[in-house]
Amino acid sequence: MNNSDLIFIAFSIITLINVARAVSSLRCLLYHMRDVDPLLYQRVNGRVFFNTEGNYTKQMQLFHYIRRDEHLQHFDEYFIYRCSKVKKIFTLSSYLVVCNILLIPTLMYLDF
């Protein structure tokens, strides 16, 4: 195994850990949303959000709610904190996934 393989494996592990953090943070947000804002929880189909029977368009409503910073007008400070954290972690995970995809062809032809 050469150095480029080790770099790719390390970067992939970091990406997977951050994606797992993002999903976990989203689960915590949905759990807190169920108690604080039940109407929003129903609107984004929170009960079956991670199941196969979840409605994709309703899930995208939560994405747009967080992306447009609509959560900043919410009355609960912890909910605002959770939404901001989810936004930051998903942004980081998205960048890492894109960088990981761009890193594959680069390391394939690079021989350390």
PDB file of N, CA and C in Angstrom:
ATOM      1  N   MET A   1       0.847  -1.162   0.000  1.00  0.00           N
ATOM      2  CA  MET A   1       0.000   0.000   0.000  1.00  0.00           C
ATOM      3  C   MET A   1       0.902   1.237   0.000  1.00  0.00           C
ATOM      4  N   ASN A   2       0.649   2.131  -0.938  1.00  0.00           N
ATOM      5  CA  ASN A   2       1.486   3.323  -1.003  1.00  0.00           C
ATOM      6  C   ASN A   2       0.821   4.492  -0.272  1.00  0.00           C
ATOM      7  N   ASN A   3       1.503   5.621  -0.241  1.00  0.00           N
ATOM      8  CA  ASN A   3       1.036   6.773   0.519  1.00  0.00           C
ATOM      9  C   ASN A   3      -0.290   7.328   0.008  1.00  0.00           C
ATOM     10  N   SER A   4      -0.511   7.290  -1.297  1.00  0.00           N
ATOM     11  CA  SER A   4      -1.760   7.837  -1.837  1.00  0.00           C
ATOM     12  C   SER A   4      -2.963   7.010  -1.390  1.00  0.00           C
ATOM     13  N   ASP A   5      -2.775   5.709  -1.265  1.00  0.00           N
ATOM     14  CA  ASP A   5      -3.863   4.871  -0.752  1.00  0.00           C
ATOM     15  C   ASP A   5      -4.177   5.198   0.705  1.00  0.00           C
ATOM     16  N   LEU A   6      -3.148   5.407   1.485  1.00  0.00           N
ATOM     17  CA  LEU A   6      -3.347   5.740   2.894  1.00  0.00           C
ATOM     18  C   LEU A   6      -4.038   7.101   3.055  1.00  0.00           C
ATOM     19  N   ILE A   7      -3.656   8.055   2.205  1.00  0.00           N
ATOM     20  CA  ILE A   7      -4.301   9.370   2.243  1.00  0.00           C
ATOM     21  C   ILE A   7      -5.781   9.239   1.911  1.00  0.00           C
ATOM     22  N   PHE A   8      -6.080   8.466   0.887  1.00  0.00           N
ATOM     23  CA  PHE A   8      -7.471   8.290   0.487  1.00  0.00           C
ATOM     24  C   PHE A   8      -8.281   7.576   1.568  1.00  0.00           C
ATOM     25  N   ILE A   9      -7.722   6.548   2.169  1.00  0.00           N
ATOM     26  CA  ILE A   9      -8.429   5.815   3.220  1.00  0.00           C
ATOM     27  C   ILE A   9      -8.669   6.718   4.436  1.00  0.00           C
ATOM     28  N   ALA A  10      -7.660   7.487   4.823  1.00  0.00           N
ATOM     29  CA  ALA A  10      -7.821   8.392   5.967  1.00  0.00           C
ATOM     30  C   ALA A  10      -8.886   9.451   5.685  1.00  0.00           C
ATOM     31  N   PHE A  11      -8.854  10.017   4.495  1.00  0.00           N
ATOM     32  CA  PHE A  11      -9.840  11.044   4.131  1.00  0.00           C
ATOM     33  C   PHE A  11     -11.237  10.448   4.044  1.00  0.00           C
ATOM     34  N   SER A  12     -11.339   9.212   3.571  1.00  0.00           N
ATOM     35  CA  SER A  12     -12.647   8.549   3.502  1.00  0.00           C
ATOM     36  C   SER A  12     -13.205   8.275   4.898  1.00  0.00           C
ATOM     37  N   ILE A  13     -12.350   7.870   5.827  1.00  0.00           N
ATOM     38  CA  ILE A  13     -12.798   7.614   7.196  1.00  0.00           C
ATOM     39  C   ILE A  13     -13.285   8.908   7.845  1.00  0.00           C
ATOM     40  N   ILE A  14     -12.555  10.000   7.631  1.00  0.00           N
ATOM     41  CA  ILE A  14     -12.983  11.299   8.168  1.00  0.00           C
ATOM     42  C   ILE A  14     -14.329  11.701   7.578  1.00  0.00           C
ATOM     43  N   THR A  15     -14.517  11.470   6.289  1.00  0.00           N
ATOM     44  CA  THR A  15     -15.789  11.803   5.639  1.00  0.00           C
ATOM     45  C   THR A  15     -16.926  10.969   6.208  1.00  0.00           C
ATOM     46  N   LEU A  16     -16.718   9.678   6.382  1.00  0.00           N
ATOM     47  CA  LEU A  16     -17.765   8.813   6.932  1.00  0.00           C
ATOM     48  C   LEU A  16     -18.128   9.202   8.364  1.00  0.00           C
ATOM     49  N   ILE A  17     -17.142   9.570   9.159  1.00  0.00           N
ATOM     50  CA  ILE A  17     -17.418   9.999  10.528  1.00  0.00           C
ATOM     51  C   ILE A  17     -18.253  11.273  10.529  1.00  0.00           C
ATOM     52  N   ASN A  18     -17.942  12.212   9.648  1.00  0.00           N
ATOM     53  CA  ASN A  18     -18.709  13.453   9.601  1.00  0.00           C
ATOM     54  C   ASN A  18     -20.115  13.243   9.059  1.00  0.00           C
ATOM     55  N   VAL A  19     -20.295  12.327   8.129  1.00  0.00           N
ATOM     56  CA  VAL A  19     -21.645  12.018   7.644  1.00  0.00           C
ATOM     57  C   VAL A  19     -22.462  11.374   8.766  1.00  0.00           C
ATOM     58  N   ALA A  20     -21.830  10.504   9.538  1.00  0.00           N
ATOM     59  CA  ALA A  20     -22.532   9.896  10.679  1.00  0.00           C
ATOM     60  C   ALA A  20     -22.897  10.962  11.719  1.00  0.00           C
ATOM     61  N   ARG A  21     -22.017  11.924  11.950  1.00  0.00           N
ATOM     62  CA  ARG A  21     -22.329  13.032  12.864  1.00  0.00           C
ATOM     63  C   ARG A  21     -23.515  13.839  12.351  1.00  0.00           C
ATOM     64  N   ALA A  22     -23.568  14.055  11.039  1.00  0.00           N
ATOM     65  CA  ALA A  22     -24.666  14.836  10.455  1.00  0.00           C
ATOM     66  C   ALA A  22     -25.998  14.123  10.635  1.00  0.00           C
ATOM     67  N   VAL A  23     -26.018  12.832  10.391  1.00  0.00           N
ATOM     68  CA  VAL A  23     -27.267  12.070  10.543  1.00  0.00           C
ATOM     69  C   VAL A  23     -27.679  12.039  12.009  1.00  0.00           C
ATOM     70  N   SER A  24     -26.729  11.854  12.900  1.00  0.00           N
ATOM     71  CA  SER A  24     -27.027  11.838  14.331  1.00  0.00           C
ATOM     72  C   SER A  24     -27.558  13.197  14.797  1.00  0.00           C
ATOM     73  N   SER A  25     -26.961  14.261  14.313  1.00  0.00           N
ATOM     74  CA  SER A  25     -27.420  15.596  14.681  1.00  0.00           C
ATOM     75  C   SER A  25     -28.818  15.869  14.142  1.00  0.00           C
ATOM     76  N   LEU A  26     -29.116  15.365  12.955  1.00  0.00           N
ATOM     77  CA  LEU A  26     -30.460  15.520  12.399  1.00  0.00           C
ATOM     78  C   LEU A  26     -31.481  14.732  13.210  1.00  0.00           C
ATOM     79  N   ARG A  27     -31.103  13.557  13.670  1.00  0.00           N
ATOM     80  CA  ARG A  27     -32.004  12.775  14.529  1.00  0.00           C
ATOM     81  C   ARG A  27     -32.292  13.521  15.838  1.00  0.00           C
ATOM     82  N   CYS A  28     -31.272  14.124  16.423  1.00  0.00           N
ATOM     83  CA  CYS A  28     -31.473  14.901  17.655  1.00  0.00           C
ATOM     84  C   CYS A  28     -32.378  16.100  17.398  1.00  0.00           C
ATOM     85  N   LEU A  29     -32.202  16.740  16.245  1.00  0.00           N
ATOM     86  CA  LEU A  29     -33.056  17.873  15.897  1.00  0.00           C
ATOM     87  C   LEU A  29     -34.509  17.437  15.761  1.00  0.00           C
ATOM     88  N   LEU A  30     -34.747  16.322  15.085  1.00  0.00           N
ATOM     89  CA  LEU A  30     -36.116  15.834  14.924  1.00  0.00           C
ATOM     90  C   LEU A  30     -36.722  15.423  16.262  1.00  0.00           C
ATOM     91  N   TYR A  31     -35.931  14.846  17.134  1.00  0.00           N
ATOM     92  CA  TYR A  31     -36.423  14.465  18.459  1.00  0.00           C
ATOM     93  C   TYR A  31     -36.839  15.700  19.255  1.00  0.00           C
ATOM     94  N   HIS A  32     -36.021  16.727  19.210  1.00  0.00           N
ATOM     95  CA  HIS A  32     -36.347  17.962  19.923  1.00  0.00           C
ATOM     96  C   HIS A  32     -37.512  18.694  19.245  1.00  0.00           C
ATOM     97  N   MET A  33     -37.576  18.625  17.928  1.00  0.00           N
ATOM     98  CA  MET A  33     -38.649  19.278  17.179  1.00  0.00           C
ATOM     99  C   MET A  33     -40.004  18.679  17.537  1.00  0.00           C
ATOM    100  N   ARG A  34     -40.038  17.396  17.816  1.00  0.00           N
ATOM    101  CA  ARG A  34     -41.289  16.731  18.159  1.00  0.00           C
ATOM    102  C   ARG A  34     -41.905  17.343  19.410  1.00  0.00           C
ATOM    103  N   ASP A  35     -41.069  17.729  20.369  1.00  0.00           N
ATOM    104  CA  ASP A  35     -41.572  18.313  21.609  1.00  0.00           C
ATOM    105  C   ASP A  35     -41.848  19.808  21.484  1.00  0.00           C
ATOM    106  N   VAL A  36     -40.983  20.526  20.783  1.00  0.00           N
ATOM    107  CA  VAL A  36     -41.062  21.978  20.746  1.00  0.00           C
ATOM    108  C   VAL A  36     -42.040  22.494  19.694  1.00  0.00           C
ATOM    109  N   ASP A  37     -41.989  21.917  18.501  1.00  0.00           N
ATOM    110  CA  ASP A  37     -42.810  22.417  17.396  1.00  0.00           C
ATOM    111  C   ASP A  37     -43.466  21.240  16.668  1.00  0.00           C
ATOM    112  N   PRO A  38     -44.566  20.715  17.212  1.00  0.00           N
ATOM    113  CA  PRO A  38     -45.194  19.534  16.607  1.00  0.00           C
ATOM    114  C   PRO A  38     -45.740  19.771  15.205  1.00  0.00           C
ATOM    115  N   LEU A  39     -46.141  20.990  14.898  1.00  0.00           N
ATOM    116  CA  LEU A  39     -46.657  21.273  13.550  1.00  0.00           C
ATOM    117  C   LEU A  39     -45.550  21.163  12.505  1.00  0.00           C
ATOM    118  N   LEU A  40     -44.391  21.699  12.822  1.00  0.00           N
ATOM    119  CA  LEU A  40     -43.257  21.570  11.903  1.00  0.00           C
ATOM    120  C   LEU A  40     -42.826  20.112  11.798  1.00  0.00           C
ATOM    121  N   TYR A  41     -42.868  19.403  12.901  1.00  0.00           N
ATOM    122  CA  TYR A  41     -42.526  17.983  12.917  1.00  0.00           C
ATOM    123  C   TYR A  41     -43.440  17.191  11.982  1.00  0.00           C
ATOM    124  N   GLN A  42     -44.728  17.482  12.004  1.00  0.00           N
ATOM    125  CA  GLN A  42     -45.671  16.811  11.094  1.00  0.00           C
ATOM    126  C   GLN A  42     -45.468  17.265   9.661  1.00  0.00           C
ATOM    127  N   ARG A  43     -45.152  18.555   9.481  1.00  0.00           N
ATOM    128  CA  ARG A  43     -44.971  19.092   8.135  1.00  0.00           C
ATOM    129  C   ARG A  43     -43.788  18.446   7.417  1.00  0.00           C
ATOM    130  N   VAL A  44     -42.733  18.130   8.164  1.00  0.00           N
ATOM    131  CA  VAL A  44     -41.557  17.510   7.543  1.00  0.00           C
ATOM    132  C   VAL A  44     -41.604  15.995   7.643  1.00  0.00           C
ATOM    133  N   ASN A  45     -42.738  15.465   8.107  1.00  0.00           N
ATOM    134  CA  ASN A  45     -42.943  14.019   8.188  1.00  0.00           C
ATOM    135  C   ASN A  45     -41.897  13.382   9.098  1.00  0.00           C
ATOM    136  N   GLY A  46     -41.747  13.944  10.298  1.00  0.00           N
ATOM    137  CA  GLY A  46     -40.705  13.532  11.219  1.00  0.00           C
ATOM    138  C   GLY A  46     -40.813  12.104  11.716  1.00  0.00           C
ATOM    139  N   ARG A  47     -42.021  11.577  11.789  1.00  0.00           N
ATOM    140  CA  ARG A  47     -42.200  10.230  12.327  1.00  0.00           C
ATOM    141  C   ARG A  47     -41.515   9.183  11.456  1.00  0.00           C
ATOM    142  N   VAL A  48     -41.564   9.346  10.162  1.00  0.00           N
ATOM    143  CA  VAL A  48     -40.965   8.367   9.235  1.00  0.00           C
ATOM    144  C   VAL A  48     -39.862   9.018   8.402  1.00  0.00           C
ATOM    145  N   PHE A  49     -39.145   9.966   8.983  1.00  0.00           N
ATOM    146  CA  PHE A  49     -38.146  10.726   8.230  1.00  0.00           C
ATOM    147  C   PHE A  49     -37.040   9.834   7.684  1.00  0.00           C
ATOM    148  N   PHE A  50     -36.573   8.877   8.468  1.00  0.00           N
ATOM    149  CA  PHE A  50     -35.466   8.022   8.041  1.00  0.00           C
ATOM    150  C   PHE A  50     -35.923   6.673   7.503  1.00  0.00           C
ATOM    151  N   ASN A  51     -37.209   6.460   7.374  1.00  0.00           N
ATOM    152  CA  ASN A  51     -37.720   5.203   6.833  1.00  0.00           C
ATOM    153  C   ASN A  51     -37.890   5.309   5.329  1.00  0.00           C
ATOM    154  N   THR A  52     -38.105   4.170   4.693  1.00  0.00           N
ATOM    155  CA  THR A  52     -38.291   4.164   3.247  1.00  0.00           C
ATOM    156  C   THR A  52     -39.637   4.739   2.836  1.00  0.00           C
ATOM    157  N   GLU A  53     -40.605   4.730   3.762  1.00  0.00           N
ATOM    158  CA  GLU A  53     -41.909   5.281   3.408  1.00  0.00           C
ATOM    159  C   GLU A  53     -41.976   6.785   3.630  1.00  0.00           C
ATOM    160  N   GLY A  54     -40.854   7.419   4.001  1.00  0.00           N
ATOM    161  CA  GLY A  54     -40.809   8.861   4.179  1.00  0.00           C
ATOM    162  C   GLY A  54     -40.996   9.584   2.852  1.00  0.00           C
ATOM    163  N   ASN A  55     -41.711  10.690   2.891  1.00  0.00           N
ATOM    164  CA  ASN A  55     -41.993  11.477   1.702  1.00  0.00           C
ATOM    165  C   ASN A  55     -40.808  12.413   1.423  1.00  0.00           C
ATOM    166  N   TYR A  56     -40.219  12.280   0.248  1.00  0.00           N
ATOM    167  CA  TYR A  56     -39.021  13.040  -0.096  1.00  0.00           C
ATOM    168  C   TYR A  56     -39.300  14.542  -0.133  1.00  0.00           C
ATOM    169  N   THR A  57     -40.448  14.953  -0.646  1.00  0.00           N
ATOM    170  CA  THR A  57     -40.744  16.382  -0.739  1.00  0.00           C
ATOM    171  C   THR A  57     -40.912  17.001   0.650  1.00  0.00           C
ATOM    172  N   LYS A  58     -41.472  16.241   1.574  1.00  0.00           N
ATOM    173  CA  LYS A  58     -41.599  16.752   2.935  1.00  0.00           C
ATOM    174  C   LYS A  58     -40.237  16.828   3.616  1.00  0.00           C
ATOM    175  N   GLN A  59     -39.349  15.897   3.309  1.00  0.00           N
ATOM    176  CA  GLN A  59     -38.004  15.943   3.862  1.00  0.00           C
ATOM    177  C   GLN A  59     -37.242  17.144   3.316  1.00  0.00           C
ATOM    178  N   MET A  60     -37.479  17.484   2.074  1.00  0.00           N
ATOM    179  CA  MET A  60     -36.820  18.641   1.475  1.00  0.00           C
ATOM    180  C   MET A  60     -37.326  19.940   2.094  1.00  0.00           C
ATOM    181  N   GLN A  61     -38.542  19.940   2.656  1.00  0.00           N
ATOM    182  CA  GLN A  61     -39.042  21.128   3.337  1.00  0.00           C
ATOM    183  C   GLN A  61     -38.172  21.462   4.544  1.00  0.00           C
ATOM    184  N   LEU A  62     -37.712  20.442   5.256  1.00  0.00           N
ATOM    185  CA  LEU A  62     -36.808  20.681   6.386  1.00  0.00           C
ATOM    186  C   LEU A  62     -35.475  21.232   5.883  1.00  0.00           C
ATOM    187  N   PHE A  63     -34.977  20.705   4.787  1.00  0.00           N
ATOM    188  CA  PHE A  63     -33.733  21.202   4.197  1.00  0.00           C
ATOM    189  C   PHE A  63     -33.865  22.679   3.847  1.00  0.00           C
ATOM    190  N   HIS A  64     -34.959  23.047   3.193  1.00  0.00           N
ATOM    191  CA  HIS A  64     -35.155  24.445   2.808  1.00  0.00           C
ATOM    192  C   HIS A  64     -35.411  25.333   4.025  1.00  0.00           C
ATOM    193  N   TYR A  65     -36.083  24.804   5.027  1.00  0.00           N
ATOM    194  CA  TYR A  65     -36.327  25.544   6.268  1.00  0.00           C
ATOM    195  C   TYR A  65     -35.005  25.933   6.925  1.00  0.00           C
ATOM    196  N   ILE A  66     -34.073  25.002   6.949  1.00  0.00           N
ATOM    197  CA  ILE A  66     -32.772  25.277   7.567  1.00  0.00           C
ATOM    198  C   ILE A  66     -31.897  26.111   6.641  1.00  0.00           C
ATOM    199  N   ARG A  67     -31.925  25.831   5.342  1.00  0.00           N
ATOM    200  CA  ARG A  67     -31.080  26.557   4.395  1.00  0.00           C
ATOM    201  C   ARG A  67     -31.444  28.032   4.323  1.00  0.00           C
ATOM    202  N   ARG A  68     -32.730  28.349   4.382  1.00  0.00           N
ATOM    203  CA  ARG A  68     -33.186  29.740   4.300  1.00  0.00           C
ATOM    204  C   ARG A  68     -33.123  30.473   5.641  1.00  0.00           C
ATOM    205  N   ASP A  69     -32.600  29.824   6.650  1.00  0.00           N
ATOM    206  CA  ASP A  69     -32.471  30.385   7.998  1.00  0.00           C
ATOM    207  C   ASP A  69     -33.810  30.814   8.585  1.00  0.00           C
ATOM    208  N   GLU A  70     -34.863  30.081   8.273  1.00  0.00           N
ATOM    209  CA  GLU A  70     -36.171  30.366   8.862  1.00  0.00           C
ATOM    210  C   GLU A  70     -36.203  29.995  10.339  1.00  0.00           C
ATOM    211  N   HIS A  71     -35.294  29.151  10.762  1.00  0.00           N
ATOM    212  CA  HIS A  71     -35.261  28.731  12.159  1.00  0.00           C
ATOM    213  C   HIS A  71     -34.825  29.855  13.090  1.00  0.00           C
ATOM    214  N   LEU A  72     -34.235  30.912  12.551  1.00  0.00           N
ATOM    215  CA  LEU A  72     -33.768  32.008  13.394  1.00  0.00           C
ATOM    216  C   LEU A  72     -34.915  32.794  14.023  1.00  0.00           C
ATOM    217  N   GLN A  73     -36.137  32.671  13.470  1.00  0.00           N
ATOM    218  CA  GLN A  73     -37.300  33.345  14.045  1.00  0.00           C
ATOM    219  C   GLN A  73     -38.040  32.463  15.047  1.00  0.00           C
ATOM    220  N   HIS A  74     -37.512  31.311  15.326  1.00  0.00           N
ATOM    221  CA  HIS A  74     -38.182  30.400  16.251  1.00  0.00           C
ATOM    222  C   HIS A  74     -38.040  30.905  17.686  1.00  0.00           C
ATOM    223  N   PHE A  75     -38.953  30.528  18.554  1.00  0.00           N
ATOM    224  CA  PHE A  75     -38.952  31.024  19.935  1.00  0.00           C
ATOM    225  C   PHE A  75     -38.015  30.257  20.862  1.00  0.00           C
ATOM    226  N   ASP A  76     -37.644  29.032  20.505  1.00  0.00           N
ATOM    227  CA  ASP A  76     -36.810  28.209  21.378  1.00  0.00           C
ATOM    228  C   ASP A  76     -35.336  28.346  20.977  1.00  0.00           C
ATOM    229  N   GLU A  77     -34.504  28.768  21.923  1.00  0.00           N
ATOM    230  CA  GLU A  77     -33.086  28.993  21.629  1.00  0.00           C
ATOM    231  C   GLU A  77     -32.341  27.693  21.356  1.00  0.00           C
ATOM    232  N   TYR A  78     -32.695  26.640  22.055  1.00  0.00           N
ATOM    233  CA  TYR A  78     -32.025  25.358  21.829  1.00  0.00           C
ATOM    234  C   TYR A  78     -32.355  24.816  20.442  1.00  0.00           C
ATOM    235  N   PHE A  79     -33.577  25.028  19.982  1.00  0.00           N
ATOM    236  CA  PHE A  79     -33.962  24.606  18.636  1.00  0.00           C
ATOM    237  C   PHE A  79     -33.161  25.376  17.588  1.00  0.00           C
ATOM    238  N   ILE A  80     -32.976  26.672  17.802  1.00  0.00           N
ATOM    239  CA  ILE A  80     -32.161  27.480  16.884  1.00  0.00           C
ATOM    240  C   ILE A  80     -30.727  26.964  16.864  1.00  0.00           C
ATOM    241  N   TYR A  81     -30.204  26.651  18.046  1.00  0.00           N
ATOM    242  CA  TYR A  81     -28.845  26.108  18.142  1.00  0.00           C
ATOM    243  C   TYR A  81     -28.726  24.791  17.381  1.00  0.00           C
ATOM    244  N   ARG A  82     -29.700  23.906  17.558  1.00  0.00           N
ATOM    245  CA  ARG A  82     -29.675  22.601  16.882  1.00  0.00           C
ATOM    246  C   ARG A  82     -29.733  22.770  15.363  1.00  0.00           C
ATOM    247  N   CYS A  83     -30.600  23.646  14.878  1.00  0.00           N
ATOM    248  CA  CYS A  83     -30.714  23.870  13.434  1.00  0.00           C
ATOM    249  C   CYS A  83     -29.418  24.439  12.865  1.00  0.00           C
ATOM    250  N   SER A  84     -28.810  25.370  13.580  1.00  0.00           N
ATOM    251  CA  SER A  84     -27.540  25.941  13.128  1.00  0.00           C
ATOM    252  C   SER A  84     -26.447  24.880  13.099  1.00  0.00           C
ATOM    253  N   LYS A  85     -26.446  24.015  14.108  1.00  0.00           N
ATOM    254  CA  LYS A  85     -25.449  22.952  14.159  1.00  0.00           C
ATOM    255  C   LYS A  85     -25.644  21.972  13.008  1.00  0.00           C
ATOM    256  N   VAL A  86     -26.901  21.610  12.730  1.00  0.00           N
ATOM    257  CA  VAL A  86     -27.186  20.703  11.611  1.00  0.00           C
ATOM    258  C   VAL A  86     -26.729  21.334  10.299  1.00  0.00           C
ATOM    259  N   LYS A  87     -26.979  22.617  10.142  1.00  0.00           N
ATOM    260  CA  LYS A  87     -26.581  23.301   8.909  1.00  0.00           C
ATOM    261  C   LYS A  87     -25.061  23.285   8.733  1.00  0.00           C
ATOM    262  N   LYS A  88     -24.329  23.573   9.803  1.00  0.00           N
ATOM    263  CA  LYS A  88     -22.869  23.584   9.731  1.00  0.00           C
ATOM    264  C   LYS A  88     -22.305  22.192   9.440  1.00  0.00           C
ATOM    265  N   ILE A  89     -22.832  21.196  10.123  1.00  0.00           N
ATOM    266  CA  ILE A  89     -22.306  19.842   9.944  1.00  0.00           C
ATOM    267  C   ILE A  89     -22.639  19.306   8.556  1.00  0.00           C
ATOM    268  N   PHE A  90     -23.837  19.580   8.042  1.00  0.00           N
ATOM    269  CA  PHE A  90     -24.171  19.130   6.708  1.00  0.00           C
ATOM    270  C   PHE A  90     -23.365  19.853   5.638  1.00  0.00           C
ATOM    271  N   THR A  91     -23.074  21.123   5.853  1.00  0.00           N
ATOM    272  CA  THR A  91     -22.218  21.842   4.914  1.00  0.00           C
ATOM    273  C   THR A  91     -20.828  21.231   4.892  1.00  0.00           C
ATOM    274  N   LEU A  92     -20.279  20.979   6.067  1.00  0.00           N
ATOM    275  CA  LEU A  92     -18.958  20.357   6.150  1.00  0.00           C
ATOM    276  C   LEU A  92     -18.958  18.972   5.511  1.00  0.00           C
ATOM    277  N   SER A  93     -19.975  18.172   5.793  1.00  0.00           N
ATOM    278  CA  SER A  93     -20.043  16.825   5.224  1.00  0.00           C
ATOM    279  C   SER A  93     -20.184  16.869   3.710  1.00  0.00           C
ATOM    280  N   SER A  94     -20.964  17.810   3.201  1.00  0.00           N
ATOM    281  CA  SER A  94     -21.120  17.933   1.752  1.00  0.00           C
ATOM    282  C   SER A  94     -19.803  18.283   1.085  1.00  0.00           C
ATOM    283  N   TYR A  95     -19.074  19.230   1.669  1.00  0.00           N
ATOM    284  CA  TYR A  95     -17.770  19.591   1.121  1.00  0.00           C
ATOM    285  C   TYR A  95     -16.798  18.413   1.172  1.00  0.00           C
ATOM    286  N   LEU A  96     -16.829  17.664   2.260  1.00  0.00           N
ATOM    287  CA  LEU A  96     -15.933  16.517   2.368  1.00  0.00           C
ATOM    288  C   LEU A  96     -16.264  15.436   1.345  1.00  0.00           C
ATOM    289  N   VAL A  97     -17.542  15.199   1.107  1.00  0.00           N
ATOM    290  CA  VAL A  97     -17.932  14.191   0.118  1.00  0.00           C
ATOM    291  C   VAL A  97     -17.486  14.622  -1.282  1.00  0.00           C
ATOM    292  N   VAL A  98     -17.692  15.887  -1.609  1.00  0.00           N
ATOM    293  CA  VAL A  98     -17.265  16.382  -2.931  1.00  0.00           C
ATOM    294  C   VAL A  98     -15.749  16.297  -3.068  1.00  0.00           C
ATOM    295  N   CYS A  99     -15.032  16.706  -2.034  1.00  0.00           N
ATOM    296  CA  CYS A  99     -13.563  16.612  -2.083  1.00  0.00           C
ATOM    297  C   CYS A  99     -13.101  15.171  -2.186  1.00  0.00           C
ATOM    298  N   ASN A 100     -13.797  14.268  -1.512  1.00  0.00           N
ATOM    299  CA  ASN A 100     -13.446  12.856  -1.583  1.00  0.00           C
ATOM    300  C   ASN A 100     -13.661  12.323  -3.000  1.00  0.00           C
ATOM    301  N   ILE A 101     -14.741  12.720  -3.630  1.00  0.00           N
ATOM    302  CA  ILE A 101     -15.013  12.282  -5.005  1.00  0.00           C
ATOM    303  C   ILE A 101     -13.974  12.853  -5.959  1.00  0.00           C
ATOM    304  N   LEU A 102     -13.575  14.104  -5.745  1.00  0.00           N
ATOM    305  CA  LEU A 102     -12.553  14.702  -6.603  1.00  0.00           C
ATOM    306  C   LEU A 102     -11.166  14.137  -6.319  1.00  0.00           C
ATOM    307  N   LEU A 103     -10.968  13.595  -5.129  1.00  0.00           N
ATOM    308  CA  LEU A 103      -9.669  13.060  -4.744  1.00  0.00           C
ATOM    309  C   LEU A 103      -9.393  11.696  -5.373  1.00  0.00           C
ATOM    310  N   ILE A 104     -10.441  10.951  -5.682  1.00  0.00           N
ATOM    311  CA  ILE A 104     -10.268   9.599  -6.228  1.00  0.00           C
ATOM    312  C   ILE A 104      -9.468   9.607  -7.530  1.00  0.00           C
ATOM    313  N   PRO A 105      -9.877  10.360  -8.569  1.00  0.00           N
ATOM    314  CA  PRO A 105      -9.085  10.308  -9.808  1.00  0.00           C
ATOM    315  C   PRO A 105      -7.686  10.895  -9.649  1.00  0.00           C
ATOM    316  N   THR A 106      -7.550  11.871  -8.772  1.00  0.00           N
ATOM    317  CA  THR A 106      -6.237  12.477  -8.566  1.00  0.00           C
ATOM    318  C   THR A 106      -5.264  11.470  -7.978  1.00  0.00           C
ATOM    319  N   LEU A 107      -5.717  10.723  -6.993  1.00  0.00           N
ATOM    320  CA  LEU A 107      -4.826   9.761  -6.341  1.00  0.00           C
ATOM    321  C   LEU A 107      -4.621   8.499  -7.167  1.00  0.00           C
ATOM    322  N   MET A 108      -5.540   8.226  -8.084  1.00  0.00           N
ATOM    323  CA  MET A 108      -5.356   7.047  -8.930  1.00  0.00           C
ATOM    324  C   MET A 108      -4.152   7.192  -9.846  1.00  0.00           C
ATOM    325  N   TYR A 109      -3.934   8.404 -10.334  1.00  0.00           N
ATOM    326  CA  TYR A 109      -2.832   8.624 -11.274  1.00  0.00           C
ATOM    327  C   TYR A 109      -1.588   9.179 -10.621  1.00  0.00           C
ATOM    328  N   LEU A 110      -1.675   9.479  -9.349  1.00  0.00           N
ATOM    329  CA  LEU A 110      -0.548   9.979  -8.610  1.00  0.00           C
ATOM    330  C   LEU A 110       0.161   8.814  -7.946  1.00  0.00           C
ATOM    331  N   ASP A 111       1.440   8.758  -8.037  1.00  0.00           N
ATOM    332  CA  ASP A 111       2.179   7.655  -7.438  1.00  0.00           C
ATOM    333  C   ASP A 111       3.242   8.217  -6.520  1.00  0.00           C
ATOM    334  N   PHE A 112       2.974   8.174  -5.226  1.00  0.00           N
ATOM    335  CA  PHE A 112       3.928   8.689  -4.243  1.00  0.00           C
ATOM    336  C   PHE A 112       5.046   7.698  -4.071  1.00  0.00           C
TER     337      PHE A 112
END
